[in-house]
PDB file of all heavy atoms in Angstrom:
ATOM      1  N   GLN A   1     -14.317  -2.009  22.079  1.00  0.00           N
ATOM      2  CA  GLN A   1     -14.452  -2.342  20.698  1.00  0.00           C
ATOM      3  C   GLN A   1     -14.622  -1.181  19.749  1.00  0.00           C
ATOM      4  O   GLN A   1     -14.350  -1.307  18.561  1.00  0.00           O
ATOM      5  CB  GLN A   1     -15.560  -3.399  20.556  1.00  0.00           C
ATOM      6  CG  GLN A   1     -15.305  -4.682  21.304  1.00  0.00           C
ATOM      7  CD  GLN A   1     -14.059  -5.518  20.733  1.00  0.00           C
ATOM      8  OE1 GLN A   1     -13.799  -5.481  19.553  1.00  0.00           O
ATOM      9  NE2 GLN A   1     -13.328  -6.088  21.643  1.00  0.00           N
ATOM     10  N   GLY A   2     -15.145  -0.109  20.277  1.00  0.00           N
ATOM     11  CA  GLY A   2     -15.382   1.061  19.437  1.00  0.00           C
ATOM     12  C   GLY A   2     -14.189   1.600  18.781  1.00  0.00           C
ATOM     13  O   GLY A   2     -14.258   2.313  17.801  1.00  0.00           O
ATOM     14  N   MET A   3     -12.973   1.316  19.356  1.00  0.00           N
ATOM     15  CA  MET A   3     -11.769   1.848  18.709  1.00  0.00           C
ATOM     16  C   MET A   3     -11.515   1.205  17.380  1.00  0.00           C
ATOM     17  O   MET A   3     -10.666   1.770  16.609  1.00  0.00           O
ATOM     18  CB  MET A   3     -10.541   1.658  19.643  1.00  0.00           C
ATOM     19  CG  MET A   3      -9.976   0.306  19.697  1.00  0.00           C
ATOM     20  SD  MET A   3      -8.498   0.213  20.741  1.00  0.00           S
ATOM     21  CE  MET A   3      -7.174   0.514  19.554  1.00  0.00           C
ATOM     22  N   PHE A   4     -12.138   0.111  16.998  1.00  0.00           N
ATOM     23  CA  PHE A   4     -11.949  -0.437  15.754  1.00  0.00           C
ATOM     24  C   PHE A   4     -13.005  -0.033  14.679  1.00  0.00           C
ATOM     25  O   PHE A   4     -12.987  -0.531  13.522  1.00  0.00           O
ATOM     26  CB  PHE A   4     -11.961  -1.973  15.846  1.00  0.00           C
ATOM     27  CG  PHE A   4     -10.871  -2.505  16.720  1.00  0.00           C
ATOM     28  CD1 PHE A   4     -11.118  -3.075  17.974  1.00  0.00           C
ATOM     29  CD2 PHE A   4      -9.575  -2.437  16.344  1.00  0.00           C
ATOM     30  CE1 PHE A   4     -10.156  -3.462  18.814  1.00  0.00           C
ATOM     31  CE2 PHE A   4      -8.575  -2.886  17.128  1.00  0.00           C
ATOM     32  CZ  PHE A   4      -8.804  -3.421  18.317  1.00  0.00           C
ATOM     33  N   VAL A   5     -13.853   0.852  15.009  1.00  0.00           N
ATOM     34  CA  VAL A   5     -14.853   1.329  14.081  1.00  0.00           C
ATOM     35  C   VAL A   5     -14.326   2.649  13.453  1.00  0.00           C
ATOM     36  O   VAL A   5     -14.174   3.701  14.136  1.00  0.00           O
ATOM     37  CB  VAL A   5     -16.278   1.664  14.838  1.00  0.00           C
ATOM     38  CG1 VAL A   5     -17.233   2.254  13.848  1.00  0.00           C
ATOM     39  CG2 VAL A   5     -16.832   0.388  15.514  1.00  0.00           C
ATOM     40  N   TRP A   6     -14.041   2.585  12.199  1.00  0.00           N
ATOM     41  CA  TRP A   6     -13.569   3.716  11.495  1.00  0.00           C
ATOM     42  C   TRP A   6     -14.618   4.239  10.546  1.00  0.00           C
ATOM     43  O   TRP A   6     -15.283   3.512   9.776  1.00  0.00           O
ATOM     44  CB  TRP A   6     -12.308   3.308  10.674  1.00  0.00           C
ATOM     45  CG  TRP A   6     -11.111   3.037  11.540  1.00  0.00           C
ATOM     46  CD1 TRP A   6     -11.122   2.736  12.867  1.00  0.00           C
ATOM     47  CD2 TRP A   6      -9.790   3.096  11.136  1.00  0.00           C
ATOM     48  NE1 TRP A   6      -9.831   2.463  13.316  1.00  0.00           N
ATOM     49  CE2 TRP A   6      -8.966   2.716  12.275  1.00  0.00           C
ATOM     50  CE3 TRP A   6      -9.106   3.424   9.991  1.00  0.00           C
ATOM     51  CZ2 TRP A   6      -7.604   2.758  12.215  1.00  0.00           C
ATOM     52  CZ3 TRP A   6      -7.716   3.382   9.958  1.00  0.00           C
ATOM     53  CH2 TRP A   6      -6.971   3.062  11.040  1.00  0.00           C
ATOM     54  N   GLN A   7     -14.770   5.503  10.394  1.00  0.00           N
ATOM     55  CA  GLN A   7     -15.728   6.176   9.527  1.00  0.00           C
ATOM     56  C   GLN A   7     -15.065   6.550   8.187  1.00  0.00           C
ATOM     57  O   GLN A   7     -14.361   7.553   8.152  1.00  0.00           O
ATOM     58  CB  GLN A   7     -16.291   7.400  10.250  1.00  0.00           C
ATOM     59  CG  GLN A   7     -16.961   7.162  11.513  1.00  0.00           C
ATOM     60  CD  GLN A   7     -18.270   6.514  11.346  1.00  0.00           C
ATOM     61  OE1 GLN A   7     -18.989   6.636  10.447  1.00  0.00           O
ATOM     62  NE2 GLN A   7     -18.583   5.654  12.318  1.00  0.00           N
ATOM     63  N   HIS A   8     -15.202   5.828   7.177  1.00  0.00           N
ATOM     64  CA  HIS A   8     -14.734   6.089   5.770  1.00  0.00           C
ATOM     65  C   HIS A   8     -13.292   6.603   5.781  1.00  0.00           C
ATOM     66  O   HIS A   8     -13.055   7.729   5.412  1.00  0.00           O
ATOM     67  CB  HIS A   8     -15.666   7.103   5.138  1.00  0.00           C
ATOM     68  CG  HIS A   8     -17.133   6.786   5.336  1.00  0.00           C
ATOM     69  ND1 HIS A   8     -17.684   5.722   4.710  1.00  0.00           N
ATOM     70  CD2 HIS A   8     -18.059   7.326   6.080  1.00  0.00           C
ATOM     71  CE1 HIS A   8     -18.974   5.648   4.974  1.00  0.00           C
ATOM     72  NE2 HIS A   8     -19.258   6.600   5.814  1.00  0.00           N
ATOM     73  N   PRO A   9     -12.340   5.776   6.138  1.00  0.00           N
ATOM     74  CA  PRO A   9     -10.957   6.241   6.052  1.00  0.00           C
ATOM     75  C   PRO A   9     -10.548   6.443   4.550  1.00  0.00           C
ATOM     76  O   PRO A   9     -10.932   5.646   3.733  1.00  0.00           O
ATOM     77  CB  PRO A   9     -10.199   5.093   6.696  1.00  0.00           C
ATOM     78  CG  PRO A   9     -10.967   3.859   6.567  1.00  0.00           C
ATOM     79  CD  PRO A   9     -12.443   4.378   6.577  1.00  0.00           C
ATOM     80  N   LYS A  10      -9.700   7.378   4.307  1.00  0.00           N
ATOM     81  CA  LYS A  10      -9.160   7.714   3.001  1.00  0.00           C
ATOM     82  C   LYS A  10      -7.881   6.856   2.892  1.00  0.00           C
ATOM     83  O   LYS A  10      -7.261   6.631   3.853  1.00  0.00           O
ATOM     84  CB  LYS A  10      -8.892   9.136   2.899  1.00  0.00           C
ATOM     85  CG  LYS A  10     -10.212   9.986   2.934  1.00  0.00           C
ATOM     86  CD  LYS A  10      -9.903  11.450   2.692  1.00  0.00           C
ATOM     87  CE  LYS A  10     -11.058  12.347   2.691  1.00  0.00           C
ATOM     88  NZ  LYS A  10     -12.342  12.065   2.892  1.00  0.00           N
ATOM     89  N   PRO A  11      -7.460   6.584   1.620  1.00  0.00           N
ATOM     90  CA  PRO A  11      -6.228   5.869   1.446  1.00  0.00           C
ATOM     91  C   PRO A  11      -4.946   6.422   2.086  1.00  0.00           C
ATOM     92  O   PRO A  11      -4.242   5.721   2.646  1.00  0.00           O
ATOM     93  CB  PRO A  11      -6.094   5.781  -0.067  1.00  0.00           C
ATOM     94  CG  PRO A  11      -7.421   5.993  -0.572  1.00  0.00           C
ATOM     95  CD  PRO A  11      -8.203   6.871   0.403  1.00  0.00           C
ATOM     96  N   TRP A  12      -4.908   7.828   2.075  1.00  0.00           N
ATOM     97  CA  TRP A  12      -3.685   8.368   2.661  1.00  0.00           C
ATOM     98  C   TRP A  12      -3.646   8.353   4.168  1.00  0.00           C
ATOM     99  O   TRP A  12      -2.645   8.579   4.793  1.00  0.00           O
ATOM    100  CB  TRP A  12      -3.456   9.807   2.164  1.00  0.00           C
ATOM    101  CG  TRP A  12      -4.653  10.810   2.394  1.00  0.00           C
ATOM    102  CD1 TRP A  12      -5.701  10.970   1.562  1.00  0.00           C
ATOM    103  CD2 TRP A  12      -4.822  11.666   3.534  1.00  0.00           C
ATOM    104  NE1 TRP A  12      -6.543  11.917   2.087  1.00  0.00           N
ATOM    105  CE2 TRP A  12      -5.965  12.367   3.318  1.00  0.00           C
ATOM    106  CE3 TRP A  12      -4.099  11.865   4.651  1.00  0.00           C
ATOM    107  CZ2 TRP A  12      -6.461  13.275   4.195  1.00  0.00           C
ATOM    108  CZ3 TRP A  12      -4.553  12.849   5.518  1.00  0.00           C
ATOM    109  CH2 TRP A  12      -5.804  13.512   5.267  1.00  0.00           C
ATOM    110  N   HIS A  13      -4.787   8.006   4.854  1.00  0.00           N
ATOM    111  CA  HIS A  13      -4.782   7.829   6.308  1.00  0.00           C
ATOM    112  C   HIS A  13      -3.871   6.703   6.728  1.00  0.00           C
ATOM    113  O   HIS A  13      -3.331   6.680   7.847  1.00  0.00           O
ATOM    114  CB  HIS A  13      -6.195   7.532   6.825  1.00  0.00           C
ATOM    115  CG  HIS A  13      -7.074   8.793   6.728  1.00  0.00           C
ATOM    116  ND1 HIS A  13      -8.435   8.709   6.553  1.00  0.00           N
ATOM    117  CD2 HIS A  13      -6.751  10.052   6.804  1.00  0.00           C
ATOM    118  CE1 HIS A  13      -8.938   9.877   6.543  1.00  0.00           C
ATOM    119  NE2 HIS A  13      -8.015  10.739   6.670  1.00  0.00           N
ATOM    120  N   TRP A  14      -3.665   5.687   5.788  1.00  0.00           N
ATOM    121  CA  TRP A  14      -2.879   4.505   6.159  1.00  0.00           C
ATOM    122  C   TRP A  14      -1.409   4.778   6.189  1.00  0.00           C
ATOM    123  O   TRP A  14      -0.648   3.945   6.605  1.00  0.00           O
ATOM    124  CB  TRP A  14      -3.275   3.393   5.165  1.00  0.00           C
ATOM    125  CG  TRP A  14      -4.658   2.996   5.194  1.00  0.00           C
ATOM    126  CD1 TRP A  14      -5.676   3.483   4.443  1.00  0.00           C
ATOM    127  CD2 TRP A  14      -5.289   2.193   6.190  1.00  0.00           C
ATOM    128  NE1 TRP A  14      -6.887   2.934   4.783  1.00  0.00           N
ATOM    129  CE2 TRP A  14      -6.734   2.154   5.942  1.00  0.00           C
ATOM    130  CE3 TRP A  14      -4.892   1.397   7.279  1.00  0.00           C
ATOM    131  CZ2 TRP A  14      -7.601   1.394   6.623  1.00  0.00           C
ATOM    132  CZ3 TRP A  14      -5.783   0.706   7.971  1.00  0.00           C
ATOM    133  CH2 TRP A  14      -7.172   0.739   7.692  1.00  0.00           C
ATOM    134  N   VAL A  15      -1.058   5.921   5.701  1.00  0.00           N
ATOM    135  CA  VAL A  15       0.445   6.271   5.542  1.00  0.00           C
ATOM    136  C   VAL A  15       1.021   6.789   6.911  1.00  0.00           C
ATOM    137  O   VAL A  15       2.165   6.781   7.147  1.00  0.00           O
ATOM    138  CB  VAL A  15       0.593   7.329   4.461  1.00  0.00           C
ATOM    139  CG1 VAL A  15       2.056   7.792   4.413  1.00  0.00           C
ATOM    140  CG2 VAL A  15       0.091   6.846   3.167  1.00  0.00           C
ATOM    141  N   SER A  16       0.107   7.163   7.799  1.00  0.00           N
ATOM    142  CA  SER A  16       0.529   7.789   9.065  1.00  0.00           C
ATOM    143  C   SER A  16       1.605   6.948   9.823  1.00  0.00           C
ATOM    144  O   SER A  16       2.673   7.500  10.264  1.00  0.00           O
ATOM    145  CB  SER A  16      -0.638   8.023   9.991  1.00  0.00           C
ATOM    146  OG  SER A  16      -0.192   8.667  11.189  1.00  0.00           O
ATOM    147  N   GLY A  17       1.422   5.695   9.950  1.00  0.00           N
ATOM    148  CA  GLY A  17       2.379   4.855  10.659  1.00  0.00           C
ATOM    149  C   GLY A  17       3.696   4.803   9.937  1.00  0.00           C
ATOM    150  O   GLY A  17       4.755   4.749  10.551  1.00  0.00           O
ATOM    151  N   LEU A  18       3.753   4.825   8.661  1.00  0.00           N
ATOM    152  CA  LEU A  18       4.934   4.882   7.914  1.00  0.00           C
ATOM    153  C   LEU A  18       5.762   6.217   8.130  1.00  0.00           C
ATOM    154  O   LEU A  18       7.016   6.165   8.240  1.00  0.00           O
ATOM    155  CB  LEU A  18       4.734   4.664   6.379  1.00  0.00           C
ATOM    156  CG  LEU A  18       4.090   3.404   5.956  1.00  0.00           C
ATOM    157  CD1 LEU A  18       3.761   3.410   4.514  1.00  0.00           C
ATOM    158  CD2 LEU A  18       4.926   2.188   6.322  1.00  0.00           C
ATOM    159  N   LEU A  19       4.963   7.262   8.282  1.00  0.00           N
ATOM    160  CA  LEU A  19       5.588   8.561   8.593  1.00  0.00           C
ATOM    161  C   LEU A  19       6.273   8.529  10.085  1.00  0.00           C
ATOM    162  O   LEU A  19       7.373   9.050  10.227  1.00  0.00           O
ATOM    163  CB  LEU A  19       4.577   9.674   8.659  1.00  0.00           C
ATOM    164  CG  LEU A  19       3.980   9.994   7.244  1.00  0.00           C
ATOM    165  CD1 LEU A  19       2.883  11.052   7.456  1.00  0.00           C
ATOM    166  CD2 LEU A  19       4.935  10.416   6.294  1.00  0.00           C
ATOM    167  N   GLY A  20       5.704   7.721  10.903  1.00  0.00           N
ATOM    168  CA  GLY A  20       6.222   7.535  12.205  1.00  0.00           C
ATOM    169  C   GLY A  20       7.603   6.877  12.186  1.00  0.00           C
ATOM    170  O   GLY A  20       8.544   7.253  12.950  1.00  0.00           O
ATOM    171  N   VAL A  21       7.820   5.991  11.246  1.00  0.00           N
ATOM    172  CA  VAL A  21       9.144   5.363  11.131  1.00  0.00           C
ATOM    173  C   VAL A  21      10.214   6.407  10.705  1.00  0.00           C
ATOM    174  O   VAL A  21      11.235   6.517  11.315  1.00  0.00           O
ATOM    175  CB  VAL A  21       9.100   4.276  10.053  1.00  0.00           C
ATOM    176  CG1 VAL A  21      10.488   3.734   9.627  1.00  0.00           C
ATOM    177  CG2 VAL A  21       8.196   3.111  10.484  1.00  0.00           C
ATOM    178  N   GLY A  22       9.799   7.288   9.766  1.00  0.00           N
ATOM    179  CA  GLY A  22      10.720   8.394   9.402  1.00  0.00           C
ATOM    180  C   GLY A  22      10.976   9.339  10.526  1.00  0.00           C
ATOM    181  O   GLY A  22      12.117   9.765  10.722  1.00  0.00           O
ATOM    182  N   VAL A  23      10.007   9.633  11.271  1.00  0.00           N
ATOM    183  CA  VAL A  23      10.115  10.618  12.417  1.00  0.00           C
ATOM    184  C   VAL A  23      11.086  10.017  13.496  1.00  0.00           C
ATOM    185  O   VAL A  23      12.101  10.707  13.787  1.00  0.00           O
ATOM    186  CB  VAL A  23       8.754  10.947  13.113  1.00  0.00           C
ATOM    187  CG1 VAL A  23       8.945  11.589  14.371  1.00  0.00           C
ATOM    188  CG2 VAL A  23       7.832  11.657  12.175  1.00  0.00           C
ATOM    189  N   VAL A  24      10.918   8.837  13.888  1.00  0.00           N
ATOM    190  CA  VAL A  24      11.706   8.231  14.915  1.00  0.00           C
ATOM    191  C   VAL A  24      13.188   8.082  14.446  1.00  0.00           C
ATOM    192  O   VAL A  24      14.157   8.431  15.074  1.00  0.00           O
ATOM    193  CB  VAL A  24      11.159   6.907  15.452  1.00  0.00           C
ATOM    194  CG1 VAL A  24      12.139   6.200  16.401  1.00  0.00           C
ATOM    195  CG2 VAL A  24       9.789   7.146  16.171  1.00  0.00           C
ATOM    196  N   THR A  25      13.300   7.504  13.222  1.00  0.00           N
ATOM    197  CA  THR A  25      14.618   7.288  12.716  1.00  0.00           C
ATOM    198  C   THR A  25      15.389   8.622  12.546  1.00  0.00           C
ATOM    199  O   THR A  25      16.594   8.643  12.898  1.00  0.00           O
ATOM    200  CB  THR A  25      14.556   6.498  11.374  1.00  0.00           C
ATOM    201  OG1 THR A  25      13.891   5.336  11.556  1.00  0.00           O
ATOM    202  CG2 THR A  25      15.929   6.283  10.748  1.00  0.00           C
ATOM    203  N   CYS A  26      14.774   9.597  11.953  1.00  0.00           N
ATOM    204  CA  CYS A  26      15.438  10.899  11.753  1.00  0.00           C
ATOM    205  C   CYS A  26      15.793  11.606  13.014  1.00  0.00           C
ATOM    206  O   CYS A  26      16.813  12.176  13.168  1.00  0.00           O
ATOM    207  CB  CYS A  26      14.588  11.788  10.821  1.00  0.00           C
ATOM    208  SG  CYS A  26      14.476  11.218   9.146  1.00  0.00           S
ATOM    209  N   LEU A  27      14.840  11.493  14.025  1.00  0.00           N
ATOM    210  CA  LEU A  27      15.100  12.173  15.307  1.00  0.00           C
ATOM    211  C   LEU A  27      16.269  11.441  16.049  1.00  0.00           C
ATOM    212  O   LEU A  27      17.140  12.102  16.649  1.00  0.00           O
ATOM    213  CB  LEU A  27      13.896  12.114  16.188  1.00  0.00           C
ATOM    214  CG  LEU A  27      12.996  13.288  16.015  1.00  0.00           C
ATOM    215  CD1 LEU A  27      11.617  13.005  16.684  1.00  0.00           C
ATOM    216  CD2 LEU A  27      13.596  14.586  16.492  1.00  0.00           C
ATOM    217  N   VAL A  28      16.316  10.104  15.939  1.00  0.00           N
ATOM    218  CA  VAL A  28      17.492   9.428  16.654  1.00  0.00           C
ATOM    219  C   VAL A  28      18.742   9.895  15.991  1.00  0.00           C
ATOM    220  O   VAL A  28      19.720  10.164  16.709  1.00  0.00           O
ATOM    221  CB  VAL A  28      17.255   7.814  16.497  1.00  0.00           C
ATOM    222  CG1 VAL A  28      18.477   7.129  16.858  1.00  0.00           C
ATOM    223  CG2 VAL A  28      16.113   7.460  17.412  1.00  0.00           C
ATOM    224  N   GLN A  29      18.816   9.921  14.642  1.00  0.00           N
ATOM    225  CA  GLN A  29      20.028  10.392  14.027  1.00  0.00           C
ATOM    226  C   GLN A  29      20.384  11.862  14.320  1.00  0.00           C
ATOM    227  O   GLN A  29      21.599  12.131  14.552  1.00  0.00           O
ATOM    228  CB  GLN A  29      19.992  10.112  12.529  1.00  0.00           C
ATOM    229  CG  GLN A  29      19.947   8.659  12.115  1.00  0.00           C
ATOM    230  CD  GLN A  29      21.113   7.846  12.602  1.00  0.00           C
ATOM    231  OE1 GLN A  29      22.257   8.353  12.580  1.00  0.00           O
ATOM    232  NE2 GLN A  29      20.826   6.663  13.100  1.00  0.00           N
ATOM    233  N   GLY A  30      19.383  12.690  14.298  1.00  0.00           N
ATOM    234  CA  GLY A  30      19.591  14.121  14.532  1.00  0.00           C
ATOM    235  C   GLY A  30      20.102  14.294  15.942  1.00  0.00           C
ATOM    236  O   GLY A  30      21.071  15.153  16.164  1.00  0.00           O
TER     237      GLY A  30
END
């Protein structure tokens, strides 16, 4: 359950998963 304990996340931390979409899509096309 400790994996769900986050210490003061900043708003931009939530963007990481969205970046993954760009990474995978661009790599597939490249």
